[in-house]
């Protein structure tokens, strides 16, 4: 699956980043539909997709693969790409820099592809902890500032669309992607050093 993030400026699209992640299915059966949804839903939620949109996309991709699966014995793999453009539209009166700051980018997301690919290098407890981190999408900066003014890890302030997370044991708040990356290397809160897992 390829995801591309862009900002529209007077009908001109500026590509900010792109990312891809792969899910391989050995056979096309009901379990694989669930597996495909499971493997893609976390990442797609990062891009503000609702559960219904994710299910619709995954079922469409799954049904397409099922209809086009190889019928010859020995050919059990068919490759196809699902592309999604994620656009941030510059609002009237908004500076281009402000629109670009609030654009969803791969570097500002939980590194789920890395976590998934390095599953065996991460403890099962840490994997589950990262997967279940509570995520809050900031839709009103004033509400978000009540939780966190700046992220203690990257020192950047909040913008609309920022995703933040509080560490359940100590309730310290960080950008979700910052704390996830931190916890891949450390097993403690960066502020109070409390063990999280």
N, C-alpha and C. Protein backbone atom coordinates (compact mmCIF):
# COMPACT_ATOMS: atom_id res chain seq x y z
N UNK A 1 0.86 -1.16 0.00
CA UNK A 1 0.00 0.00 0.00
C UNK A 1 0.91 1.22 0.00
N UNK A 2 0.62 2.17 -0.84
CA UNK A 2 1.41 3.39 -0.90
C UNK A 2 0.56 4.56 -0.46
N UNK A 3 1.10 5.37 0.42
CA UNK A 3 0.39 6.55 0.92
C UNK A 3 1.22 7.77 0.55
N UNK A 4 0.57 8.78 0.00
CA UNK A 4 1.26 9.98 -0.41
C UNK A 4 0.58 11.17 0.25
N UNK A 5 1.34 12.03 0.87
CA UNK A 5 0.80 13.20 1.54
C UNK A 5 1.15 14.43 0.73
N UNK A 6 0.17 15.30 0.54
CA UNK A 6 0.43 16.51 -0.23
C UNK A 6 -0.36 17.68 0.34
N UNK A 7 0.05 18.87 -0.02
CA UNK A 7 -0.67 20.10 0.32
C UNK A 7 -1.07 20.75 -0.99
N UNK A 8 -2.32 21.16 -1.11
CA UNK A 8 -2.78 21.83 -2.31
C UNK A 8 -2.64 23.34 -2.14
N UNK A 9 -1.95 23.97 -3.06
CA UNK A 9 -1.80 25.43 -3.05
C UNK A 9 -2.23 25.94 -4.42
N UNK A 10 -3.40 26.59 -4.48
CA UNK A 10 -3.92 27.09 -5.75
C UNK A 10 -3.92 26.00 -6.81
N UNK A 11 -4.47 24.84 -6.45
CA UNK A 11 -4.58 23.72 -7.37
C UNK A 11 -3.23 23.11 -7.75
N UNK A 12 -2.16 23.50 -7.09
CA UNK A 12 -0.85 22.89 -7.31
C UNK A 12 -0.59 21.96 -6.14
N UNK A 13 -0.24 20.75 -6.44
CA UNK A 13 -0.01 19.77 -5.38
C UNK A 13 1.48 19.68 -5.07
N UNK A 14 1.84 19.87 -3.81
CA UNK A 14 3.21 19.75 -3.35
C UNK A 14 3.30 18.44 -2.56
N UNK A 15 4.05 17.49 -3.06
CA UNK A 15 4.17 16.21 -2.38
C UNK A 15 5.18 16.36 -1.24
N UNK A 16 4.72 16.10 -0.01
CA UNK A 16 5.57 16.24 1.16
C UNK A 16 6.30 14.96 1.50
N UNK A 17 5.63 13.84 1.33
CA UNK A 17 6.26 12.57 1.67
C UNK A 17 5.43 11.44 1.10
N UNK A 18 5.98 10.28 1.13
CA UNK A 18 5.21 9.10 0.77
C UNK A 18 5.78 7.94 1.58
N UNK A 19 4.97 6.95 1.77
CA UNK A 19 5.41 5.77 2.48
C UNK A 19 4.69 4.58 1.90
N UNK A 20 5.21 3.42 2.15
CA UNK A 20 4.53 2.22 1.70
C UNK A 20 4.69 1.14 2.76
N UNK A 21 3.74 0.26 2.77
CA UNK A 21 3.87 -0.92 3.62
C UNK A 21 3.19 -2.07 2.92
N UNK A 22 3.72 -3.25 3.17
CA UNK A 22 3.28 -4.44 2.46
C UNK A 22 2.61 -5.41 3.42
N UNK A 23 1.62 -6.09 2.88
CA UNK A 23 0.97 -7.20 3.59
C UNK A 23 0.92 -8.34 2.59
N UNK A 24 1.47 -9.48 2.96
CA UNK A 24 1.46 -10.64 2.06
C UNK A 24 0.44 -11.65 2.54
N UNK A 25 -0.34 -12.16 1.59
CA UNK A 25 -1.33 -13.18 1.88
C UNK A 25 -0.93 -14.44 1.13
N UNK A 26 -0.89 -15.55 1.83
CA UNK A 26 -0.52 -16.82 1.20
C UNK A 26 -1.68 -17.39 0.39
N UNK A 27 -2.83 -17.40 0.96
CA UNK A 27 -4.03 -17.91 0.30
C UNK A 27 -5.11 -16.84 0.41
N UNK A 28 -6.11 -16.94 -0.40
CA UNK A 28 -7.21 -15.99 -0.33
C UNK A 28 -8.38 -16.71 0.34
N UNK A 29 -8.53 -16.48 1.63
CA UNK A 29 -9.66 -17.06 2.35
C UNK A 29 -10.16 -16.06 3.38
N UNK A 30 -11.19 -16.43 4.14
CA UNK A 30 -11.80 -15.48 5.08
C UNK A 30 -10.79 -15.00 6.13
N UNK A 31 -9.90 -15.89 6.58
CA UNK A 31 -8.90 -15.49 7.57
C UNK A 31 -8.02 -14.38 7.01
N UNK A 32 -7.67 -14.47 5.73
CA UNK A 32 -6.81 -13.46 5.13
C UNK A 32 -7.47 -12.09 5.07
N UNK A 33 -8.79 -12.05 4.90
CA UNK A 33 -9.49 -10.76 4.91
C UNK A 33 -9.34 -10.12 6.28
N UNK A 34 -9.51 -10.90 7.33
CA UNK A 34 -9.33 -10.38 8.69
C UNK A 34 -7.88 -9.96 8.90
N UNK A 35 -6.93 -10.77 8.45
CA UNK A 35 -5.50 -10.47 8.60
C UNK A 35 -5.14 -9.18 7.88
N UNK A 36 -5.63 -9.02 6.66
CA UNK A 36 -5.37 -7.81 5.89
C UNK A 36 -5.90 -6.58 6.63
N UNK A 37 -7.11 -6.68 7.16
CA UNK A 37 -7.69 -5.56 7.90
C UNK A 37 -6.88 -5.27 9.17
N UNK A 38 -6.48 -6.33 9.86
CA UNK A 38 -5.71 -6.18 11.08
C UNK A 38 -4.36 -5.51 10.82
N UNK A 39 -3.70 -5.89 9.75
CA UNK A 39 -2.37 -5.37 9.45
C UNK A 39 -2.38 -3.94 8.91
N UNK A 40 -3.47 -3.53 8.33
CA UNK A 40 -3.53 -2.19 7.74
C UNK A 40 -4.29 -1.17 8.57
N UNK A 41 -5.17 -1.61 9.46
CA UNK A 41 -6.06 -0.66 10.14
C UNK A 41 -5.31 0.32 11.04
N UNK A 42 -4.29 -0.13 11.75
CA UNK A 42 -3.56 0.77 12.64
C UNK A 42 -2.96 1.92 11.84
N UNK A 43 -2.32 1.59 10.72
CA UNK A 43 -1.68 2.62 9.90
C UNK A 43 -2.72 3.55 9.28
N UNK A 44 -3.81 3.00 8.80
CA UNK A 44 -4.81 3.83 8.15
C UNK A 44 -5.52 4.76 9.14
N UNK A 45 -5.64 4.34 10.40
CA UNK A 45 -6.21 5.23 11.42
C UNK A 45 -5.32 6.45 11.62
N UNK A 46 -4.02 6.29 11.41
CA UNK A 46 -3.09 7.42 11.54
C UNK A 46 -3.44 8.51 10.52
N UNK A 47 -4.03 8.11 9.42
CA UNK A 47 -4.39 9.05 8.36
C UNK A 47 -5.84 9.50 8.47
N UNK A 48 -6.41 9.41 9.65
CA UNK A 48 -7.76 9.89 9.96
C UNK A 48 -8.85 9.10 9.25
N UNK A 49 -8.59 7.89 8.84
CA UNK A 49 -9.64 7.08 8.23
C UNK A 49 -10.50 6.49 9.33
N UNK A 50 -11.79 6.47 9.10
CA UNK A 50 -12.70 5.88 10.08
C UNK A 50 -12.69 4.37 9.92
N UNK A 51 -13.24 3.67 10.92
CA UNK A 51 -13.34 2.21 10.85
C UNK A 51 -14.11 1.78 9.61
N UNK A 52 -15.21 2.46 9.32
CA UNK A 52 -16.02 2.13 8.15
C UNK A 52 -15.24 2.30 6.85
N UNK A 53 -14.47 3.39 6.75
CA UNK A 53 -13.66 3.62 5.55
C UNK A 53 -12.59 2.56 5.40
N UNK A 54 -11.98 2.18 6.53
CA UNK A 54 -10.93 1.15 6.49
C UNK A 54 -11.52 -0.18 6.05
N UNK A 55 -12.64 -0.56 6.64
CA UNK A 55 -13.28 -1.83 6.28
C UNK A 55 -13.65 -1.83 4.79
N UNK A 56 -14.21 -0.72 4.30
CA UNK A 56 -14.60 -0.63 2.89
C UNK A 56 -13.38 -0.77 1.99
N UNK A 57 -12.29 -0.08 2.31
CA UNK A 57 -11.07 -0.15 1.52
C UNK A 57 -10.49 -1.57 1.53
N UNK A 58 -10.39 -2.16 2.71
CA UNK A 58 -9.79 -3.49 2.84
C UNK A 58 -10.65 -4.53 2.12
N UNK A 59 -11.95 -4.47 2.29
CA UNK A 59 -12.82 -5.43 1.61
C UNK A 59 -12.75 -5.28 0.09
N UNK A 60 -12.68 -4.03 -0.36
CA UNK A 60 -12.54 -3.81 -1.80
C UNK A 60 -11.23 -4.38 -2.34
N UNK A 61 -10.12 -4.14 -1.62
CA UNK A 61 -8.82 -4.68 -2.04
C UNK A 61 -8.83 -6.20 -1.98
N UNK A 62 -9.41 -6.75 -0.91
CA UNK A 62 -9.47 -8.20 -0.74
C UNK A 62 -10.31 -8.84 -1.85
N UNK A 63 -11.46 -8.26 -2.14
CA UNK A 63 -12.32 -8.81 -3.19
C UNK A 63 -11.67 -8.71 -4.56
N UNK A 64 -10.94 -7.63 -4.80
CA UNK A 64 -10.21 -7.50 -6.05
C UNK A 64 -9.16 -8.61 -6.17
N UNK A 65 -8.41 -8.84 -5.10
CA UNK A 65 -7.38 -9.89 -5.10
C UNK A 65 -8.02 -11.26 -5.29
N UNK A 66 -9.15 -11.47 -4.65
CA UNK A 66 -9.84 -12.76 -4.74
C UNK A 66 -10.32 -13.02 -6.18
N UNK A 67 -10.85 -11.98 -6.82
CA UNK A 67 -11.34 -12.13 -8.19
C UNK A 67 -10.21 -12.37 -9.18
N UNK A 68 -9.02 -11.86 -8.87
CA UNK A 68 -7.90 -11.95 -9.80
C UNK A 68 -6.82 -12.92 -9.34
N UNK A 69 -7.12 -13.77 -8.38
CA UNK A 69 -6.10 -14.70 -7.91
C UNK A 69 -5.72 -15.66 -9.02
N UNK A 70 -4.46 -16.07 -9.04
CA UNK A 70 -4.01 -16.98 -10.10
C UNK A 70 -4.75 -18.31 -10.02
N UNK A 71 -5.15 -18.80 -11.18
CA UNK A 71 -5.86 -20.07 -11.21
C UNK A 71 -4.94 -21.23 -11.53
N UNK A 72 -3.71 -20.94 -11.90
CA UNK A 72 -2.77 -22.00 -12.23
C UNK A 72 -2.14 -22.57 -10.97
N UNK A 73 -1.97 -23.87 -10.94
CA UNK A 73 -1.31 -24.52 -9.80
C UNK A 73 0.14 -24.04 -9.75
N UNK A 74 0.61 -23.72 -8.58
CA UNK A 74 1.98 -23.24 -8.41
C UNK A 74 2.09 -21.73 -8.45
N UNK A 75 1.04 -21.03 -8.86
CA UNK A 75 1.05 -19.57 -8.87
C UNK A 75 0.14 -19.08 -7.75
N UNK A 76 0.69 -18.95 -6.57
CA UNK A 76 -0.14 -18.57 -5.43
C UNK A 76 0.00 -17.10 -5.05
N UNK A 77 0.76 -16.33 -5.83
CA UNK A 77 0.99 -14.93 -5.46
C UNK A 77 0.50 -14.03 -6.59
N UNK A 78 -0.26 -13.04 -6.21
CA UNK A 78 -0.64 -11.97 -7.15
C UNK A 78 -0.35 -10.65 -6.43
N UNK A 79 0.33 -9.77 -7.11
CA UNK A 79 0.70 -8.49 -6.51
C UNK A 79 -0.23 -7.40 -7.03
N UNK A 80 -0.65 -6.54 -6.15
CA UNK A 80 -1.37 -5.35 -6.55
C UNK A 80 -1.11 -4.27 -5.52
N UNK A 81 -1.24 -3.04 -5.95
CA UNK A 81 -0.92 -1.88 -5.11
C UNK A 81 -2.19 -1.07 -4.91
N UNK A 82 -2.43 -0.68 -3.67
CA UNK A 82 -3.52 0.23 -3.35
C UNK A 82 -2.87 1.57 -3.03
N UNK A 83 -3.20 2.58 -3.78
CA UNK A 83 -2.63 3.90 -3.55
C UNK A 83 -3.66 4.82 -2.91
N UNK A 84 -3.22 5.58 -1.93
CA UNK A 84 -4.10 6.53 -1.25
C UNK A 84 -3.38 7.87 -1.21
N UNK A 85 -4.02 8.90 -1.73
CA UNK A 85 -3.48 10.25 -1.60
C UNK A 85 -4.13 10.91 -0.40
N UNK A 86 -3.31 11.41 0.51
CA UNK A 86 -3.79 12.11 1.70
C UNK A 86 -3.48 13.59 1.48
N UNK A 87 -4.51 14.39 1.32
CA UNK A 87 -4.32 15.81 0.99
C UNK A 87 -4.68 16.70 2.17
N UNK A 88 -3.87 17.71 2.37
CA UNK A 88 -4.17 18.77 3.32
C UNK A 88 -4.45 20.01 2.49
N UNK A 89 -5.65 20.53 2.60
CA UNK A 89 -6.04 21.69 1.80
C UNK A 89 -5.76 22.96 2.59
N UNK A 90 -5.08 23.87 1.94
CA UNK A 90 -4.79 25.16 2.56
C UNK A 90 -6.10 25.92 2.70
N UNK A 91 -6.40 26.33 3.92
CA UNK A 91 -7.65 27.03 4.17
C UNK A 91 -7.52 28.50 3.79
N UNK A 92 -8.66 29.12 3.50
CA UNK A 92 -8.66 30.53 3.10
C UNK A 92 -8.02 31.37 4.20
N UNK A 93 -7.06 32.20 3.81
CA UNK A 93 -6.38 33.07 4.76
C UNK A 93 -5.25 32.38 5.52
N UNK A 94 -5.06 31.10 5.31
CA UNK A 94 -4.01 30.36 6.03
C UNK A 94 -2.70 30.46 5.26
N UNK A 95 -1.63 30.72 5.98
CA UNK A 95 -0.30 30.74 5.37
C UNK A 95 0.06 29.33 4.92
N UNK A 96 0.82 29.23 3.83
CA UNK A 96 1.23 27.93 3.31
C UNK A 96 2.02 27.15 4.37
N UNK A 97 2.90 27.84 5.09
CA UNK A 97 3.71 27.18 6.12
C UNK A 97 2.83 26.55 7.20
N UNK A 98 1.75 27.22 7.58
CA UNK A 98 0.84 26.68 8.59
C UNK A 98 0.14 25.43 8.07
N UNK A 99 -0.26 25.46 6.80
CA UNK A 99 -0.90 24.28 6.20
C UNK A 99 0.09 23.12 6.14
N UNK A 100 1.32 23.41 5.80
CA UNK A 100 2.33 22.34 5.71
C UNK A 100 2.66 21.79 7.10
N UNK A 101 2.61 22.65 8.12
CA UNK A 101 2.88 22.19 9.48
C UNK A 101 1.81 21.20 9.96
N UNK A 102 0.58 21.38 9.53
CA UNK A 102 -0.48 20.49 10.00
C UNK A 102 -0.71 19.30 9.08
N UNK A 103 0.03 19.23 7.98
CA UNK A 103 -0.11 18.09 7.08
C UNK A 103 0.37 16.82 7.77
N UNK A 104 -0.34 15.74 7.51
CA UNK A 104 0.04 14.45 8.09
C UNK A 104 1.19 13.89 7.26
N UNK A 105 2.30 13.59 7.94
CA UNK A 105 3.49 13.09 7.28
C UNK A 105 3.94 11.80 7.92
N UNK A 106 4.65 11.00 7.17
CA UNK A 106 5.13 9.71 7.67
C UNK A 106 6.01 9.89 8.91
N UNK A 107 6.85 10.92 8.93
CA UNK A 107 7.75 11.10 10.08
C UNK A 107 7.01 11.52 11.35
N UNK A 108 5.75 11.94 11.20
CA UNK A 108 4.95 12.33 12.36
C UNK A 108 3.92 11.28 12.73
N UNK A 109 4.15 10.06 12.32
CA UNK A 109 3.25 8.96 12.63
C UNK A 109 3.99 7.91 13.44
N UNK A 110 3.24 7.09 14.14
CA UNK A 110 3.85 5.97 14.85
C UNK A 110 4.54 5.11 13.80
N UNK A 111 5.79 4.73 14.02
CA UNK A 111 6.52 3.95 13.01
C UNK A 111 6.05 2.50 12.98
N UNK A 112 4.78 2.31 12.62
CA UNK A 112 4.18 0.98 12.69
C UNK A 112 4.86 -0.01 11.77
N UNK A 113 5.26 0.44 10.60
CA UNK A 113 5.94 -0.46 9.68
C UNK A 113 7.23 -0.99 10.30
N UNK A 114 7.98 -0.11 10.96
CA UNK A 114 9.21 -0.53 11.64
C UNK A 114 8.89 -1.50 12.77
N UNK A 115 7.87 -1.18 13.56
CA UNK A 115 7.49 -2.05 14.69
C UNK A 115 7.08 -3.42 14.16
N UNK A 116 6.29 -3.42 13.09
CA UNK A 116 5.83 -4.68 12.52
C UNK A 116 6.99 -5.50 11.96
N UNK A 117 7.90 -4.85 11.25
CA UNK A 117 9.03 -5.57 10.65
C UNK A 117 10.03 -6.07 11.69
N UNK A 118 10.09 -5.40 12.84
CA UNK A 118 11.03 -5.78 13.90
C UNK A 118 10.33 -6.41 15.09
N UNK A 119 9.22 -7.05 14.81
CA UNK A 119 8.39 -7.66 15.85
C UNK A 119 9.20 -8.56 16.78
N UNK A 120 10.12 -9.34 16.22
CA UNK A 120 10.86 -10.30 17.03
C UNK A 120 11.96 -9.65 17.86
N UNK A 121 12.30 -8.38 17.57
CA UNK A 121 13.30 -7.66 18.35
C UNK A 121 12.68 -6.86 19.49
N UNK A 122 11.36 -6.83 19.54
CA UNK A 122 10.63 -6.08 20.56
C UNK A 122 9.92 -7.09 21.45
N UNK A 123 9.94 -6.86 22.75
CA UNK A 123 9.23 -7.79 23.64
C UNK A 123 7.74 -7.78 23.31
N UNK A 124 7.10 -8.90 23.54
CA UNK A 124 5.66 -9.01 23.26
C UNK A 124 4.88 -7.97 24.06
N UNK A 125 5.29 -7.77 25.33
CA UNK A 125 4.60 -6.77 26.16
C UNK A 125 4.75 -5.37 25.59
N UNK A 126 5.94 -5.03 25.10
CA UNK A 126 6.16 -3.70 24.52
C UNK A 126 5.37 -3.56 23.22
N UNK A 127 5.36 -4.61 22.40
CA UNK A 127 4.59 -4.59 21.16
C UNK A 127 3.12 -4.30 21.45
N UNK A 128 2.55 -5.01 22.40
CA UNK A 128 1.14 -4.80 22.76
C UNK A 128 0.92 -3.42 23.37
N UNK A 129 1.87 -2.97 24.18
CA UNK A 129 1.76 -1.64 24.78
C UNK A 129 1.73 -0.57 23.69
N UNK A 130 2.65 -0.66 22.72
CA UNK A 130 2.70 0.33 21.64
C UNK A 130 1.45 0.26 20.78
N UNK A 131 0.98 -0.96 20.51
CA UNK A 131 -0.20 -1.14 19.68
C UNK A 131 -1.43 -0.53 20.34
N UNK A 132 -1.49 -0.59 21.66
CA UNK A 132 -2.67 -0.12 22.39
C UNK A 132 -2.52 1.26 23.01
N UNK A 133 -1.45 1.99 22.66
CA UNK A 133 -1.30 3.34 23.20
C UNK A 133 -2.54 4.17 22.90
N UNK A 134 -3.08 4.85 23.91
CA UNK A 134 -4.23 5.71 23.65
C UNK A 134 -3.81 6.89 22.78
N UNK A 135 -4.55 7.16 21.73
CA UNK A 135 -4.22 8.24 20.80
C UNK A 135 -5.35 9.26 20.80
N UNK A 136 -4.97 10.53 20.91
CA UNK A 136 -5.94 11.62 20.88
C UNK A 136 -5.54 12.54 19.72
N UNK A 137 -6.47 12.77 18.82
CA UNK A 137 -6.21 13.67 17.70
C UNK A 137 -6.64 15.08 18.11
N UNK A 138 -5.74 16.05 18.03
CA UNK A 138 -6.04 17.43 18.42
C UNK A 138 -6.83 18.10 17.30
N UNK A 139 -8.07 18.41 17.60
CA UNK A 139 -8.92 19.10 16.63
C UNK A 139 -9.11 20.56 17.00
N UNK A 140 -8.81 20.91 18.24
CA UNK A 140 -8.87 22.28 18.72
C UNK A 140 -7.59 22.52 19.53
N UNK A 141 -6.76 23.41 19.05
CA UNK A 141 -5.46 23.64 19.69
C UNK A 141 -5.62 24.04 21.15
N UNK A 142 -6.63 24.87 21.47
CA UNK A 142 -6.82 25.29 22.86
C UNK A 142 -7.11 24.10 23.77
N UNK A 143 -7.92 23.15 23.30
CA UNK A 143 -8.17 21.93 24.09
C UNK A 143 -6.89 21.13 24.25
N UNK A 144 -6.11 21.02 23.18
CA UNK A 144 -4.86 20.27 23.23
C UNK A 144 -3.84 20.90 24.16
N UNK A 145 -3.82 22.23 24.20
CA UNK A 145 -2.87 22.92 25.08
C UNK A 145 -3.16 22.64 26.54
N UNK A 146 -4.40 22.27 26.86
CA UNK A 146 -4.73 21.89 28.23
C UNK A 146 -4.04 20.59 28.63
N UNK A 147 -3.68 19.78 27.65
CA UNK A 147 -2.99 18.52 27.92
C UNK A 147 -1.48 18.63 27.79
N UNK A 148 -1.02 19.43 26.81
CA UNK A 148 0.41 19.55 26.55
C UNK A 148 0.67 20.80 25.72
N UNK A 149 1.58 21.66 26.17
CA UNK A 149 1.92 22.84 25.38
C UNK A 149 2.94 22.50 24.31
N UNK A 150 4.00 21.85 24.72
CA UNK A 150 5.02 21.37 23.78
C UNK A 150 5.37 19.94 24.15
N UNK A 151 5.79 19.19 23.17
CA UNK A 151 6.18 17.80 23.42
C UNK A 151 7.54 17.80 24.11
N UNK A 152 7.66 17.14 25.26
CA UNK A 152 8.94 17.12 25.98
C UNK A 152 10.06 16.39 25.23
N UNK A 153 9.72 15.62 24.21
CA UNK A 153 10.74 14.89 23.47
C UNK A 153 11.28 15.72 22.31
N UNK A 154 10.39 16.22 21.44
CA UNK A 154 10.85 16.96 20.25
C UNK A 154 10.81 18.48 20.44
N UNK A 155 10.14 18.93 21.50
CA UNK A 155 10.01 20.35 21.84
C UNK A 155 9.19 21.17 20.84
N UNK A 156 8.39 20.48 19.99
CA UNK A 156 7.49 21.18 19.08
C UNK A 156 6.14 21.39 19.75
N UNK A 157 5.49 22.49 19.39
CA UNK A 157 4.17 22.77 19.95
C UNK A 157 3.09 22.02 19.19
N UNK A 158 1.88 22.11 19.70
CA UNK A 158 0.75 21.44 19.09
C UNK A 158 0.23 22.21 17.89
N UNK A 159 -0.28 21.48 16.92
CA UNK A 159 -1.01 22.06 15.81
C UNK A 159 -2.28 21.23 15.62
N UNK A 160 -3.21 21.76 14.87
CA UNK A 160 -4.40 20.98 14.55
C UNK A 160 -3.94 19.74 13.79
N UNK A 161 -4.52 18.63 14.11
CA UNK A 161 -4.25 17.29 13.55
C UNK A 161 -3.12 16.56 14.25
N UNK A 162 -2.45 17.22 15.20
CA UNK A 162 -1.42 16.53 15.96
C UNK A 162 -2.05 15.38 16.73
N UNK A 163 -1.35 14.28 16.80
CA UNK A 163 -1.83 13.15 17.58
C UNK A 163 -0.97 13.05 18.84
N UNK A 164 -1.63 13.03 20.00
CA UNK A 164 -0.90 12.97 21.27
C UNK A 164 -1.33 11.73 22.05
N UNK A 165 -0.47 11.36 22.99
CA UNK A 165 -0.69 10.16 23.80
C UNK A 165 -0.25 10.45 25.22
N UNK A 166 -1.02 9.94 26.17
CA UNK A 166 -0.57 10.01 27.55
C UNK A 166 -0.11 8.61 27.94
N UNK A 167 0.99 8.56 28.66
CA UNK A 167 1.51 7.27 29.14
C UNK A 167 0.61 6.84 30.30
N UNK A 168 -0.06 5.69 30.19
CA UNK A 168 -1.07 5.30 31.18
C UNK A 168 -0.59 5.28 32.64
N UNK A 169 0.63 4.85 32.90
CA UNK A 169 1.07 4.72 34.29
C UNK A 169 1.36 6.05 34.97
N UNK A 170 1.82 7.05 34.21
CA UNK A 170 2.19 8.33 34.85
C UNK A 170 1.41 9.53 34.29
N UNK A 171 0.68 9.33 33.21
CA UNK A 171 -0.13 10.36 32.56
C UNK A 171 0.66 11.51 31.94
N UNK A 172 1.96 11.35 31.72
CA UNK A 172 2.70 12.36 30.98
C UNK A 172 2.29 12.27 29.51
N UNK A 173 2.25 13.44 28.83
CA UNK A 173 1.71 13.52 27.48
C UNK A 173 2.82 13.89 26.49
N UNK A 174 2.78 13.22 25.32
CA UNK A 174 3.78 13.40 24.27
C UNK A 174 3.08 13.29 22.92
N UNK A 175 3.76 13.72 21.86
CA UNK A 175 3.30 13.35 20.52
C UNK A 175 3.32 11.82 20.47
N UNK A 176 2.33 11.23 19.86
CA UNK A 176 2.26 9.78 19.80
C UNK A 176 3.48 9.19 19.11
N UNK A 177 3.87 9.78 17.99
CA UNK A 177 5.02 9.23 17.27
C UNK A 177 6.32 9.40 18.07
N UNK A 178 6.43 10.47 18.84
CA UNK A 178 7.64 10.69 19.65
C UNK A 178 7.77 9.65 20.76
N UNK A 179 6.69 9.41 21.49
CA UNK A 179 6.78 8.45 22.60
C UNK A 179 6.94 7.03 22.07
N UNK A 180 6.31 6.72 20.93
CA UNK A 180 6.47 5.38 20.36
C UNK A 180 7.93 5.14 19.96
N UNK A 181 8.54 6.12 19.30
CA UNK A 181 9.95 5.98 18.91
C UNK A 181 10.84 5.89 20.15
N UNK A 182 10.54 6.68 21.18
CA UNK A 182 11.31 6.64 22.43
C UNK A 182 11.23 5.26 23.06
N UNK A 183 10.01 4.72 23.12
CA UNK A 183 9.81 3.44 23.80
C UNK A 183 10.39 2.25 23.04
N UNK A 184 10.68 2.43 21.77
CA UNK A 184 11.36 1.37 21.02
C UNK A 184 12.80 1.20 21.50
N UNK A 185 13.34 2.25 22.14
CA UNK A 185 14.72 2.20 22.63
C UNK A 185 14.82 2.19 24.15
N UNK A 186 13.76 2.62 24.82
CA UNK A 186 13.75 2.74 26.29
C UNK A 186 12.46 2.14 26.82
N UNK A 187 12.49 1.69 28.04
CA UNK A 187 11.29 1.10 28.65
C UNK A 187 10.76 1.99 29.76
N UNK A 188 10.99 3.29 29.62
CA UNK A 188 10.56 4.19 30.70
C UNK A 188 10.09 5.52 30.12
N UNK A 189 9.30 6.22 30.91
CA UNK A 189 8.82 7.55 30.55
C UNK A 189 10.03 8.49 30.49
N UNK A 190 10.16 9.31 29.46
CA UNK A 190 11.30 10.22 29.37
C UNK A 190 11.32 11.31 30.44
N UNK A 191 10.17 11.60 31.06
CA UNK A 191 10.14 12.64 32.08
C UNK A 191 10.40 12.10 33.48
N UNK A 192 9.68 11.06 33.87
CA UNK A 192 9.79 10.58 35.25
C UNK A 192 10.55 9.26 35.39
N UNK A 193 10.92 8.66 34.26
CA UNK A 193 11.67 7.39 34.22
C UNK A 193 10.91 6.20 34.79
N UNK A 194 9.61 6.32 34.95
CA UNK A 194 8.79 5.20 35.41
C UNK A 194 8.76 4.13 34.31
N UNK A 195 8.99 2.87 34.72
CA UNK A 195 8.92 1.77 33.76
C UNK A 195 7.50 1.66 33.22
N UNK A 196 7.34 1.58 31.91
CA UNK A 196 6.00 1.55 31.33
C UNK A 196 5.51 0.13 31.08
N UNK A 197 6.42 -0.81 30.90
CA UNK A 197 6.03 -2.22 30.66
C UNK A 197 6.79 -3.09 31.65
